[in-house]
Protein backbone atom coordinates (compact mmCIF):
# COMPACT_ATOMS: atom_id res chain seq x y z
CA MET A 1 5.20 66.58 113.27
CA GLN A 2 6.34 64.34 110.66
CA GLY A 3 9.28 62.19 110.22
CA PHE A 4 11.32 60.90 107.07
CA LEU A 5 14.09 58.35 106.41
CA VAL A 6 16.97 59.65 105.22
CA SER A 7 17.57 56.76 102.94
CA ARG A 8 14.85 57.66 100.53
CA TYR A 9 16.95 60.76 99.99
CA PHE A 10 20.21 59.42 99.10
CA HIS A 11 19.88 60.02 95.39
CA MET A 12 19.92 63.74 96.46
CA LEU A 13 23.27 63.93 98.24
CA PRO A 14 24.94 65.13 94.90
CA LYS A 15 22.43 68.07 94.78
CA TYR A 16 22.91 69.07 98.34
CA PHE A 17 26.36 68.99 98.17
CA GLU A 18 26.49 71.20 95.08
CA MET A 19 24.67 73.44 97.10
CA ILE A 20 25.96 73.69 100.49
CA MET A 21 29.36 73.32 99.94
CA PRO A 22 29.83 77.17 98.66
CA LEU A 23 27.71 78.15 101.56
CA ILE A 24 30.41 76.47 103.84
CA LYS A 25 33.40 77.97 101.90
CA GLN A 26 31.91 81.31 102.21
CA GLY A 27 31.35 80.75 106.00
CA LYS A 28 27.79 81.46 105.64
CA ILE A 29 27.26 77.93 107.38
CA CYS A 30 29.30 76.35 110.06
CA TYR A 31 28.99 73.47 112.32
CA ILE A 32 29.65 73.26 115.98
CA GLU A 33 31.66 70.34 118.15
CA ASP A 34 31.16 70.18 121.69
CA PHE A 35 34.34 67.65 123.13
CA ALA A 36 34.60 66.03 125.83
CA GLU A 37 38.03 65.03 126.97
CA GLY A 38 38.78 61.66 127.82
CA LEU A 39 37.36 58.26 128.20
CA GLU A 40 36.25 58.85 131.90
CA SER A 41 34.02 62.26 130.52
CA ALA A 42 32.17 59.87 128.00
CA PRO A 43 29.01 59.18 130.78
CA ALA A 44 28.58 62.64 131.58
CA ALA A 45 28.63 63.57 127.92
CA LEU A 46 26.34 61.07 126.94
CA VAL A 47 23.90 62.34 129.89
CA GLY A 48 24.55 66.10 128.51
CA LEU A 49 23.38 64.61 125.08
CA PHE A 50 20.35 63.48 126.27
CA SER A 51 19.52 66.13 128.21
CA GLY A 52 20.08 69.25 125.70
CA ARG A 53 23.30 70.19 127.33
CA ASN A 54 25.43 70.14 124.40
CA VAL A 55 25.82 72.19 121.54
CA GLY A 56 26.06 70.75 117.94
CA LYS A 57 27.82 67.28 117.48
CA GLN A 58 29.16 65.50 120.90
CA VAL A 59 32.82 63.85 120.77
CA VAL A 60 34.65 62.34 123.31
CA VAL A 61 38.22 62.40 122.52
CA VAL A 62 39.59 59.25 123.81
CA ALA A 63 43.53 59.94 122.63
CA ARG A 64 44.99 63.06 120.54
CA GLU A 65 47.34 61.94 118.01
């Protein structure tokens, strides 16, 4: 296994967006957000994040606008 530092690749960000945005617009790539409602559910959401319960990005919704 080998890690990398994202900061070393910031210069490639425009090229990445140029490549990825058409795929997102075509629906070939999508992202998933896992929502937990209310601040009281934040601790359980954090535990779930580290235990692999969530799928995609974990978001805790504190208040809806």
